[in-house]
Amino acid sequence: MRPTRWISILGLGTAGLALALVAEAGKPKVGMLGGTLSIDEGRLARLAPLTAPTRAPHASNHGSTIAADATGLWIVERNAGALIRTDHAGEVRATIGLHAGLGELVLDEARAALFVADRAGGRVLRYTVAADEAKQVGELAIAEPHGLALTPDGATLLVTSVADQELVAVDTATMQVRWRVELGPEPRAVAVSPEGRWAMVGFLTSEAIARVELASQRVDWHAIAPRDHVEVETDESEYADFTSVQTVEAGSRFDIPNDIGRRHVRNVFALAFIGEGIAVAAHHVATSQMELQPEAGRGDSYGGGAAEIAPIEYRFARIGEPSSDGLVAIDHLDLSVHQPRALAYDFGRDVLYVGGYGDDEIAVIGSASRESPTLLWTASLGLGPACGLDGLAVAGDQVWAHCELARRVVRIDLEPGTRKPKPTKSSTWIRGPELAASLRDAKVERGADLFRRGEDFRLGNALA
């Protein structure tokens, strides 16, 4: 049995990226912002430096649904069950049919290798790529593979197995298993640290991130569940009759009161490393019940209370490296994008791009690996109600977003040498054609879009 332990947390900080932009159907929109995000002073000193990062993550440290190289894009179309090659404008050049419900892909451009998780097919595929051609040269059977990441030397591919609840290390030359380590239910994203020492794994429901030491396969768990639960107090004096709702932090991680609303972390679909070996995990926090004993006249207690504390909030956590005494610093920052499922990082500018599956917006965060990150701008893709942003890629002065439901790519061009998008005229937004037809029935597609937007509806946003 592999050794497992829990790691203590040095400190938590909370910052708000409070912004809501609405784009007219079919029209992209960008909001320009500035200013440093507010984070509790002194909390992040051991996590993030003030200076620009010097340790860069390798390009293949995590997987996605889209990857860019010098001449085009590689895309896994989940609903179409295909690996697709396009140019940088999203025009299709080649299509390889696989199974619907694909996992991630990861590109090793230096070694001309591409790996695809064929989840429904129960296999991981290796291709050699040249220009617009991909030739399959290897295959390995893994039960429900989803997340992919490569070590810096390209010698080992890390794969999350949903069905077997494992992290699997694969020799990329032979496509044979090096080792397996058991984790927990519903593993999804995986990312590898810059020096190749650690792999970080995210889950749908565990409320923790698994840190796996690749040399020993030891598993450490970092809790990212918030301790700031919701407390409800009712003033029943003769002079007042009201309910007060406030967010409180438990006295210790062992203090679990039973008279307050519990909060839970869910859906770590996107995980990546940024500068200085800091891992970033996008997720959401669910406060499903704020009152165990609802006040008279209330029909239920879901998301209720006197204060407007949303039943679902979106965040990303920054997780530092373990110190010499084994402690780890973690902070949490709130996001305006809904259902964050995509991450891309530009090391040269220290800019993190976060994409929302629920609202098709991108939040762009400057100084992402430093003590004081800044929200630079947000972009709405403008593809109408059914996009489903599930992948991001960045290279040079271009950013690409992939839409799972629309099966299209949107390209955002940046001003050369800057972190700003070009003026938002329609001509500067390259919205490619449909890449492939969905294998799903039209009613299933419509249901998927309604389900995707359901969280937005519960949060009170206006939907078409």
Protein backbone atom coordinates (compact mmCIF):
# COMPACT_ATOMS: atom_id res chain seq x y z
CA MET A 1 0.00 0.00 0.00
CA ARG A 2 1.30 3.44 -0.92
CA PRO A 3 1.92 5.83 1.99
CA THR A 4 -0.69 8.58 2.28
CA ARG A 5 -0.87 11.62 4.53
CA TRP A 6 -2.69 14.93 4.92
CA ILE A 7 -0.77 18.19 4.67
CA SER A 8 -1.42 21.17 6.93
CA ILE A 9 -2.24 24.54 5.42
CA LEU A 10 -0.29 27.68 6.28
CA GLY A 11 -2.89 30.26 5.40
CA LEU A 12 -5.93 31.16 3.39
CA GLY A 13 -6.68 34.43 1.64
CA THR A 14 -9.72 35.46 -0.33
CA ALA A 15 -9.87 37.89 -3.22
CA GLY A 16 -12.79 38.95 -5.34
CA LEU A 17 -12.86 39.26 -9.12
CA ALA A 18 -16.24 40.94 -9.10
CA LEU A 19 -17.37 41.60 -12.64
CA ALA A 20 -20.34 40.76 -14.82
CA LEU A 21 -20.41 41.52 -18.53
CA VAL A 22 -23.20 40.56 -20.91
CA ALA A 23 -22.59 40.31 -24.66
CA GLU A 24 -25.31 40.62 -27.25
CA ALA A 25 -25.88 37.36 -29.09
CA GLY A 26 -23.25 36.93 -31.78
CA LYS A 27 -21.14 39.88 -30.64
CA PRO A 28 -17.92 39.53 -28.64
CA LYS A 29 -17.29 41.96 -25.83
CA VAL A 30 -14.28 42.82 -23.69
CA GLY A 31 -14.20 44.58 -20.35
CA MET A 32 -10.94 46.32 -19.43
CA LEU A 33 -10.07 46.53 -15.77
CA GLY A 34 -7.16 47.42 -13.57
CA GLY A 35 -6.06 47.43 -9.99
CA THR A 36 -4.66 44.91 -7.59
CA LEU A 37 -6.94 42.28 -6.11
CA SER A 38 -7.50 42.54 -2.38
CA ILE A 39 -5.92 39.66 -0.47
CA ASP A 40 -5.43 39.39 3.29
CA GLU A 41 -2.09 41.00 4.09
CA GLY A 42 0.70 38.67 5.08
CA ARG A 43 -1.20 35.52 4.17
CA LEU A 44 0.52 34.87 0.84
CA ALA A 45 4.10 35.81 1.66
CA ARG A 46 5.17 32.18 1.70
CA LEU A 47 3.24 31.31 -1.44
CA ALA A 48 3.82 34.00 -4.05
CA PRO A 49 6.76 36.40 -4.56
CA LEU A 50 6.50 40.05 -5.50
CA THR A 51 8.90 39.72 -8.43
CA ALA A 52 8.34 38.19 -11.86
CA PRO A 53 8.53 34.38 -11.94
CA THR A 54 11.75 32.69 -13.01
CA ARG A 55 10.66 29.03 -12.97
CA ALA A 56 8.51 28.26 -15.98
CA PRO A 57 6.14 25.31 -16.26
CA HIS A 58 6.68 23.12 -19.31
CA ALA A 59 4.14 23.51 -22.09
CA SER A 60 2.73 19.99 -21.70
CA ASN A 61 2.32 20.14 -17.90
CA HIS A 62 -1.46 19.62 -18.27
CA GLY A 63 -3.96 18.52 -20.88
CA SER A 64 -6.88 20.29 -22.55
CA THR A 65 -9.32 19.89 -25.42
CA ILE A 66 -7.14 22.13 -27.61
CA ALA A 67 -3.41 22.60 -28.26
CA ALA A 68 -1.64 25.04 -30.55
CA ASP A 69 1.60 24.59 -32.50
CA ALA A 70 3.42 26.69 -35.09
CA THR A 71 1.00 26.00 -37.93
CA GLY A 72 -2.34 25.10 -36.43
CA LEU A 73 -4.49 23.55 -33.72
CA TRP A 74 -5.17 20.01 -32.49
CA ILE A 75 -8.65 19.57 -31.00
CA VAL A 76 -10.60 16.73 -29.40
CA GLU A 77 -14.27 17.09 -30.33
CA ARG A 78 -16.06 15.18 -27.59
CA ASN A 79 -19.59 15.25 -29.03
CA ALA A 80 -18.33 14.39 -32.50
CA GLY A 81 -15.91 11.72 -31.26
CA ALA A 82 -13.03 13.00 -33.37
CA LEU A 83 -9.47 14.30 -33.26
CA ILE A 84 -9.39 17.32 -35.57
CA ARG A 85 -6.57 19.34 -37.11
CA THR A 86 -7.26 22.96 -38.08
CA ASP A 87 -5.30 26.01 -39.10
CA HIS A 88 -5.00 28.94 -36.67
CA ALA A 89 -8.33 30.33 -37.88
CA GLY A 90 -10.20 27.11 -37.07
CA GLU A 91 -10.58 25.82 -40.64
CA VAL A 92 -10.52 22.00 -40.71
CA ARG A 93 -7.57 20.32 -42.38
CA ALA A 94 -7.89 16.72 -41.17
CA THR A 95 -10.25 14.58 -39.08
CA ILE A 96 -9.63 11.26 -37.31
CA GLY A 97 -12.72 9.43 -36.09
CA LEU A 98 -12.65 8.02 -32.54
CA HIS A 99 -15.39 7.58 -29.90
CA ALA A 100 -17.81 10.15 -28.51
CA GLY A 101 -17.03 11.41 -25.00
CA LEU A 102 -13.29 11.91 -25.42
CA GLY A 103 -11.10 13.01 -22.53
CA GLU A 104 -8.12 15.35 -22.95
CA LEU A 105 -5.21 15.62 -25.34
CA VAL A 106 -1.66 16.74 -24.65
CA LEU A 107 0.90 17.82 -27.25
CA ASP A 108 4.67 17.33 -26.99
CA GLU A 109 5.68 19.64 -29.80
CA ALA A 110 9.44 19.17 -29.22
CA ARG A 111 9.13 15.43 -29.87
CA ALA A 112 6.32 15.63 -32.44
CA ALA A 113 4.09 13.49 -30.23
CA LEU A 114 0.40 13.81 -29.46
CA PHE A 115 -1.56 11.80 -26.87
CA VAL A 116 -5.34 11.43 -26.73
CA ALA A 117 -7.55 9.95 -23.99
CA ASP A 118 -10.25 7.93 -25.79
CA ARG A 119 -12.43 7.58 -22.71
CA ALA A 120 -15.33 5.61 -24.17
CA GLY A 121 -12.87 3.43 -26.08
CA GLY A 122 -10.98 2.60 -22.88
CA ARG A 123 -7.58 3.49 -24.30
CA VAL A 124 -4.87 6.13 -24.59
CA LEU A 125 -3.50 6.74 -28.08
CA ARG A 126 -0.11 8.04 -29.16
CA TYR A 127 0.38 9.78 -32.49
CA THR A 128 3.39 11.18 -34.28
CA VAL A 129 2.46 14.48 -35.87
CA ALA A 130 3.92 16.35 -38.82
CA ALA A 131 2.25 19.37 -40.39
CA ASP A 132 -1.41 18.31 -40.72
CA GLU A 133 -0.84 14.56 -40.40
CA ALA A 134 -1.19 12.39 -37.31
CA LYS A 135 -0.07 8.75 -37.46
CA GLN A 136 -1.06 6.40 -34.65
CA VAL A 137 2.02 4.63 -33.32
CA GLY A 138 0.91 3.34 -29.93
CA GLU A 139 -2.09 2.38 -27.81
CA LEU A 140 -2.64 1.36 -24.19
CA ALA A 141 -5.82 0.04 -22.59
CA ILE A 142 -6.85 2.12 -19.54
CA ALA A 143 -10.33 2.14 -18.03
CA GLU A 144 -12.00 5.50 -18.75
CA PRO A 145 -8.92 7.68 -19.23
CA HIS A 146 -9.62 11.39 -18.90
CA GLY A 147 -6.85 13.77 -17.72
CA LEU A 148 -3.40 13.80 -19.36
CA ALA A 149 -0.05 15.44 -18.54
CA LEU A 150 3.57 14.87 -19.52
CA THR A 151 6.74 15.05 -17.44
CA PRO A 152 9.23 17.74 -18.59
CA ASP A 153 11.43 15.20 -20.39
CA GLY A 154 8.48 13.76 -22.26
CA ALA A 155 9.34 10.26 -21.06
CA THR A 156 6.28 9.70 -18.86
CA LEU A 157 2.60 10.33 -19.54
CA LEU A 158 0.32 10.71 -16.50
CA VAL A 159 -3.28 9.54 -17.00
CA THR A 160 -6.27 9.70 -14.66
CA SER A 161 -8.51 6.63 -14.82
CA VAL A 162 -12.07 7.52 -13.85
CA ALA A 163 -13.32 3.93 -13.57
CA ASP A 164 -10.34 2.53 -11.64
CA GLN A 165 -9.87 5.72 -9.57
CA GLU A 166 -6.16 5.72 -10.31
CA LEU A 167 -3.28 7.80 -11.57
CA VAL A 168 -1.39 5.76 -14.17
CA ALA A 169 2.19 6.49 -15.27
CA VAL A 170 2.91 5.39 -18.84
CA ASP A 171 6.28 5.04 -20.61
CA THR A 172 5.77 7.17 -23.72
CA ALA A 173 8.32 5.24 -25.79
CA THR A 174 6.81 1.78 -25.21
CA MET A 175 3.25 2.76 -24.16
CA GLN A 176 3.56 0.38 -21.21
CA VAL A 177 2.48 1.06 -17.62
CA ARG A 178 5.31 2.11 -15.29
CA TRP A 179 3.17 2.21 -12.13
CA ARG A 180 -0.34 2.85 -10.83
CA VAL A 181 -1.47 4.54 -7.62
CA GLU A 182 -4.96 4.42 -6.18
CA LEU A 183 -6.54 7.81 -5.45
CA GLY A 184 -10.27 8.27 -4.90
CA PRO A 185 -13.60 8.58 -6.74
CA GLU A 186 -13.95 10.67 -9.90
CA PRO A 187 -10.39 11.87 -10.70
CA ARG A 188 -10.29 14.36 -13.57
CA ALA A 189 -7.51 16.88 -14.25
CA VAL A 190 -3.80 16.18 -13.72
CA ALA A 191 -0.77 18.49 -13.96
CA VAL A 192 3.00 17.97 -13.52
CA SER A 193 5.33 20.39 -11.72
CA PRO A 194 8.13 22.21 -13.63
CA GLU A 195 10.95 19.94 -12.41
CA GLY A 196 8.85 16.78 -12.75
CA ARG A 197 8.78 15.94 -9.05
CA TRP A 198 5.03 16.22 -8.39
CA ALA A 199 1.76 15.45 -10.09
CA MET A 200 -1.37 17.22 -8.88
CA VAL A 201 -4.78 15.58 -9.43
CA GLY A 202 -8.22 17.18 -9.18
CA PHE A 203 -11.55 15.47 -8.49
CA LEU A 204 -15.25 16.10 -8.90
CA THR A 205 -16.28 15.63 -5.27
CA SER A 206 -13.33 14.94 -2.95
CA GLU A 207 -12.85 18.58 -1.78
CA ALA A 208 -9.10 18.00 -1.93
CA ILE A 209 -6.21 17.97 -4.39
CA ALA A 210 -3.95 14.92 -4.46
CA ARG A 211 -0.20 15.58 -4.67
CA VAL A 212 1.65 12.50 -5.95
CA GLU A 213 5.44 12.31 -5.63
CA LEU A 214 6.42 10.63 -8.88
CA ALA A 215 9.61 8.97 -7.58
CA SER A 216 7.98 7.24 -4.60
CA GLN A 217 4.28 7.41 -5.60
CA ARG A 218 3.49 8.80 -2.15
CA VAL A 219 0.14 10.60 -2.06
CA ASP A 220 -0.43 13.78 -0.01
CA TRP A 221 -3.84 15.47 0.17
CA HIS A 222 -4.40 19.23 0.24
CA ALA A 223 -7.87 20.25 1.42
CA ILE A 224 -9.30 23.14 -0.60
CA ALA A 225 -12.74 23.01 1.01
CA PRO A 226 -13.62 26.37 2.64
CA ARG A 227 -13.87 26.57 6.42
CA ASP A 228 -15.94 29.74 6.13
CA HIS A 229 -19.32 28.08 6.58
CA VAL A 230 -22.60 29.96 6.77
CA GLU A 231 -24.04 30.76 10.18
CA VAL A 232 -27.69 31.72 10.71
CA GLU A 233 -28.84 33.69 13.76
CA THR A 234 -32.40 34.77 14.55
CA ASP A 235 -33.15 37.68 16.87
CA GLU A 236 -36.34 36.76 18.70
CA SER A 237 -36.41 39.64 21.18
CA GLU A 238 -39.54 41.72 21.64
CA TYR A 239 -37.89 44.64 19.81
CA ALA A 240 -36.71 42.76 16.73
CA ASP A 241 -37.68 39.83 14.59
CA PHE A 242 -35.16 39.16 11.85
CA THR A 243 -32.70 36.56 10.61
CA SER A 244 -29.02 37.42 10.27
CA VAL A 245 -26.82 35.39 7.93
CA GLN A 246 -23.04 35.66 7.96
CA THR A 247 -20.05 33.76 6.70
CA VAL A 248 -17.82 32.46 9.48
CA GLU A 249 -14.66 30.40 9.70
CA ALA A 250 -14.60 27.42 12.05
CA GLY A 251 -12.26 27.67 15.02
CA SER A 252 -10.12 24.82 13.70
CA ARG A 253 -10.22 22.22 10.98
CA PHE A 254 -11.52 19.76 13.59
CA ASP A 255 -14.42 22.04 14.57
CA ILE A 256 -17.49 20.90 12.62
CA PRO A 257 -20.60 22.61 14.00
CA ASN A 258 -23.95 21.08 13.14
CA ASP A 259 -26.12 24.18 13.22
CA ILE A 260 -24.71 26.03 10.21
CA GLY A 261 -24.81 25.58 6.45
CA ARG A 262 -22.07 23.37 5.08
CA ARG A 263 -20.02 24.41 2.04
CA HIS A 264 -18.37 21.97 -0.37
CA VAL A 265 -15.83 22.12 -3.21
CA ARG A 266 -16.86 20.48 -6.46
CA ASN A 267 -15.71 20.03 -10.08
CA VAL A 268 -11.94 20.44 -10.38
CA PHE A 269 -11.99 20.01 -14.16
CA ALA A 270 -9.06 22.37 -14.80
CA LEU A 271 -5.65 22.14 -13.14
CA ALA A 272 -2.33 23.63 -14.26
CA PHE A 273 1.04 24.88 -13.05
CA ILE A 274 2.05 28.52 -13.37
CA GLY A 275 5.27 30.35 -12.38
CA GLU A 276 7.41 29.31 -9.39
CA GLY A 277 5.88 25.85 -9.16
CA ILE A 278 2.44 27.11 -8.06
CA ALA A 279 -0.51 24.89 -8.99
CA VAL A 280 -3.85 26.43 -9.93
CA ALA A 281 -7.12 24.53 -9.47
CA ALA A 282 -10.39 25.97 -10.82
CA HIS A 283 -13.52 24.79 -9.01
CA HIS A 284 -16.84 25.82 -7.52
CA VAL A 285 -18.09 26.05 -3.95
CA ALA A 286 -21.60 24.78 -3.26
CA THR A 287 -23.64 25.99 -0.27
CA SER A 288 -26.59 23.72 -0.78
CA GLN A 289 -28.35 24.31 2.55
CA MET A 290 -27.86 27.43 4.64
CA GLU A 291 -30.47 26.71 7.33
CA LEU A 292 -31.04 23.35 8.96
CA GLN A 293 -34.17 24.75 10.68
CA PRO A 294 -35.85 27.17 8.26
CA GLU A 295 -37.82 30.02 9.73
CA ALA A 296 -41.61 29.88 9.63
CA GLY A 297 -43.16 30.49 6.25
CA ARG A 298 -40.20 29.30 4.20
CA GLY A 299 -40.89 26.39 1.90
CA ASP A 300 -37.34 25.07 1.95
CA SER A 301 -33.83 26.01 2.99
CA TYR A 302 -31.95 25.65 -0.30
CA GLY A 303 -29.68 28.66 -0.73
CA GLY A 304 -31.99 30.58 1.59
CA GLY A 305 -31.49 33.09 4.35
CA ALA A 306 -31.71 36.81 4.84
CA ALA A 307 -28.47 37.58 3.03
CA GLU A 308 -27.78 36.90 -0.62
CA ILE A 309 -25.15 34.19 -0.32
CA ALA A 310 -25.24 32.32 -3.61
CA PRO A 311 -25.73 28.56 -3.55
CA ILE A 312 -22.85 28.26 -6.05
CA GLU A 313 -19.69 30.38 -6.16
CA TYR A 314 -16.75 30.01 -8.53
CA ARG A 315 -13.10 30.14 -7.48
CA PHE A 316 -9.61 29.04 -8.20
CA ALA A 317 -7.06 27.98 -5.62
CA ARG A 318 -3.33 28.63 -5.82
CA ILE A 319 -1.35 25.87 -4.11
CA GLY A 320 2.30 26.39 -3.19
CA GLU A 321 5.06 23.83 -2.85
CA PRO A 322 5.65 22.07 0.50
CA SER A 323 8.10 23.83 2.80
CA SER A 324 10.90 22.01 4.62
CA ASP A 325 8.51 21.27 7.49
CA GLY A 326 5.87 19.88 5.13
CA LEU A 327 3.45 22.81 5.29
CA VAL A 328 1.72 24.17 2.20
CA ALA A 329 0.28 27.63 1.57
CA ILE A 330 -3.04 27.87 -0.27
CA ASP A 331 -5.16 30.87 -1.21
CA HIS A 332 -8.54 31.19 -2.89
CA LEU A 333 -9.67 33.83 -5.37
CA ASP A 334 -13.25 34.36 -6.48
CA LEU A 335 -14.10 34.29 -10.19
CA SER A 336 -16.73 36.03 -12.27
CA VAL A 337 -16.77 33.27 -14.91
CA HIS A 338 -19.26 30.47 -14.36
CA GLN A 339 -18.27 26.79 -14.25
CA PRO A 340 -14.53 27.28 -14.92
CA ARG A 341 -13.31 24.32 -16.97
CA ALA A 342 -10.36 25.69 -18.92
CA LEU A 343 -6.96 27.16 -18.03
CA ALA A 344 -4.06 28.47 -20.11
CA TYR A 345 -0.93 30.24 -18.88
CA ASP A 346 1.46 32.66 -20.59
CA PHE A 347 4.70 32.48 -18.59
CA GLY A 348 6.43 35.34 -20.44
CA ARG A 349 3.71 37.76 -19.32
CA ASP A 350 2.72 35.85 -16.12
CA VAL A 351 -0.89 35.89 -17.33
CA LEU A 352 -3.49 33.22 -16.54
CA TYR A 353 -6.56 32.71 -18.73
CA VAL A 354 -9.61 31.09 -17.10
CA GLY A 355 -12.58 29.99 -19.22
CA GLY A 356 -16.18 29.53 -18.05
CA TYR A 357 -18.21 26.67 -19.49
CA GLY A 358 -21.46 28.11 -18.15
CA ASP A 359 -21.26 31.67 -19.50
CA ASP A 360 -18.59 31.41 -22.25
CA GLU A 361 -16.45 34.15 -20.72
CA ILE A 362 -12.70 34.34 -20.21
CA ALA A 363 -11.14 36.07 -17.19
CA VAL A 364 -7.57 37.25 -17.78
CA ILE A 365 -5.43 37.57 -14.65
CA GLY A 366 -2.08 39.37 -14.62
CA SER A 367 0.77 38.72 -12.14
CA ALA A 368 -0.87 35.33 -11.73
CA SER A 369 1.98 33.75 -9.77
CA ARG A 370 2.78 36.79 -7.63
CA GLU A 371 1.54 37.99 -4.29
CA SER A 372 -0.82 40.57 -5.80
CA PRO A 373 -2.62 39.24 -8.91
CA THR A 374 -4.59 41.68 -11.07
CA LEU A 375 -7.73 41.20 -13.14
CA LEU A 376 -6.76 42.63 -16.55
CA TRP A 377 -9.84 42.07 -18.69
CA THR A 378 -12.66 39.68 -19.44
CA ALA A 379 -13.95 38.53 -22.80
CA SER A 380 -17.34 37.17 -23.83
CA LEU A 381 -17.02 34.92 -26.88
CA GLY A 382 -20.24 36.11 -28.49
CA LEU A 383 -21.30 32.78 -30.00
CA GLY A 384 -24.84 32.93 -28.70
CA PRO A 385 -26.37 30.70 -26.02
CA ALA A 386 -24.73 27.36 -26.87
CA CYS A 387 -20.92 27.47 -26.81
CA GLY A 388 -19.76 25.51 -23.75
CA LEU A 389 -16.18 26.82 -23.40
CA ASP A 390 -14.11 23.81 -22.32
CA GLY A 391 -10.58 24.49 -23.62
CA LEU A 392 -8.03 27.30 -23.92
CA ALA A 393 -4.65 27.62 -25.60
CA VAL A 394 -2.24 30.54 -25.82
CA ALA A 395 0.80 31.10 -28.03
CA GLY A 396 2.53 34.39 -28.69
CA ASP A 397 -0.06 37.11 -29.27
CA GLN A 398 -3.02 34.78 -29.84
CA VAL A 399 -5.51 33.03 -27.55
CA TRP A 400 -7.83 30.26 -28.72
CA ALA A 401 -11.02 29.08 -27.01
CA HIS A 402 -12.76 25.82 -27.87
CA CYS A 403 -16.53 25.37 -27.54
CA GLU A 404 -17.74 21.86 -26.73
CA LEU A 405 -21.41 22.42 -27.60
CA ALA A 406 -20.90 24.63 -30.66
CA ARG A 407 -17.87 22.56 -31.84
CA ARG A 408 -16.10 25.72 -32.94
CA VAL A 409 -12.98 27.72 -32.15
CA VAL A 410 -12.74 31.41 -31.35
CA ARG A 411 -9.41 33.24 -31.68
CA ILE A 412 -8.62 36.43 -29.79
CA ASP A 413 -5.70 38.47 -31.13
CA LEU A 414 -3.64 40.51 -28.66
CA GLU A 415 -1.80 43.75 -29.31
CA PRO A 416 1.79 42.68 -30.17
CA GLY A 417 4.01 42.45 -27.11
CA THR A 418 1.21 43.40 -24.69
CA ARG A 419 -1.39 41.71 -22.52
CA LYS A 420 -4.29 43.62 -24.11
CA PRO A 421 -6.71 42.39 -26.79
CA LYS A 422 -6.94 44.22 -30.05
CA PRO A 423 -9.95 46.56 -30.48
CA THR A 424 -13.10 44.48 -30.27
CA LYS A 425 -14.42 45.01 -33.77
CA SER A 426 -15.97 41.88 -35.23
CA SER A 427 -13.11 41.56 -37.73
CA THR A 428 -10.58 40.99 -34.94
CA TRP A 429 -12.44 37.97 -33.55
CA ILE A 430 -11.79 34.89 -35.64
CA ARG A 431 -14.76 32.59 -35.15
CA GLY A 432 -14.19 29.41 -37.11
CA PRO A 433 -16.87 27.19 -38.71
CA GLU A 434 -18.41 24.11 -37.13
CA LEU A 435 -15.61 21.54 -36.96
CA ALA A 436 -17.77 18.42 -37.08
CA ALA A 437 -21.36 17.31 -36.66
CA SER A 438 -22.39 16.08 -33.22
CA LEU A 439 -23.14 12.38 -32.79
CA ARG A 440 -25.88 13.27 -30.31
CA ASP A 441 -29.56 13.77 -31.03
CA ALA A 442 -30.69 17.39 -31.37
CA LYS A 443 -32.86 17.07 -28.25
CA VAL A 444 -29.90 15.75 -26.29
CA GLU A 445 -27.83 18.72 -27.48
CA ARG A 446 -30.57 21.10 -26.39
CA GLY A 447 -30.80 19.37 -23.02
CA ALA A 448 -27.03 19.63 -22.54
CA ASP A 449 -27.18 23.39 -23.15
CA LEU A 450 -30.10 23.82 -20.75
CA PHE A 451 -28.26 21.83 -18.10
CA ARG A 452 -25.10 23.89 -18.68
CA ARG A 453 -27.01 27.11 -18.18
CA GLY A 454 -28.96 25.82 -15.20
CA GLU A 455 -26.36 27.08 -12.71
CA ASP A 456 -26.55 30.54 -14.25
CA PHE A 457 -30.34 30.51 -13.93
CA ARG A 458 -30.14 29.61 -10.23
CA LEU A 459 -27.73 32.50 -9.75
CA GLY A 460 -30.32 34.87 -11.15
CA ASN A 461 -28.75 35.75 -14.50
CA ALA A 462 -30.98 36.66 -17.43
CA LEU A 463 -30.92 33.97 -20.09
CA ALA A 464 -32.23 33.98 -23.61
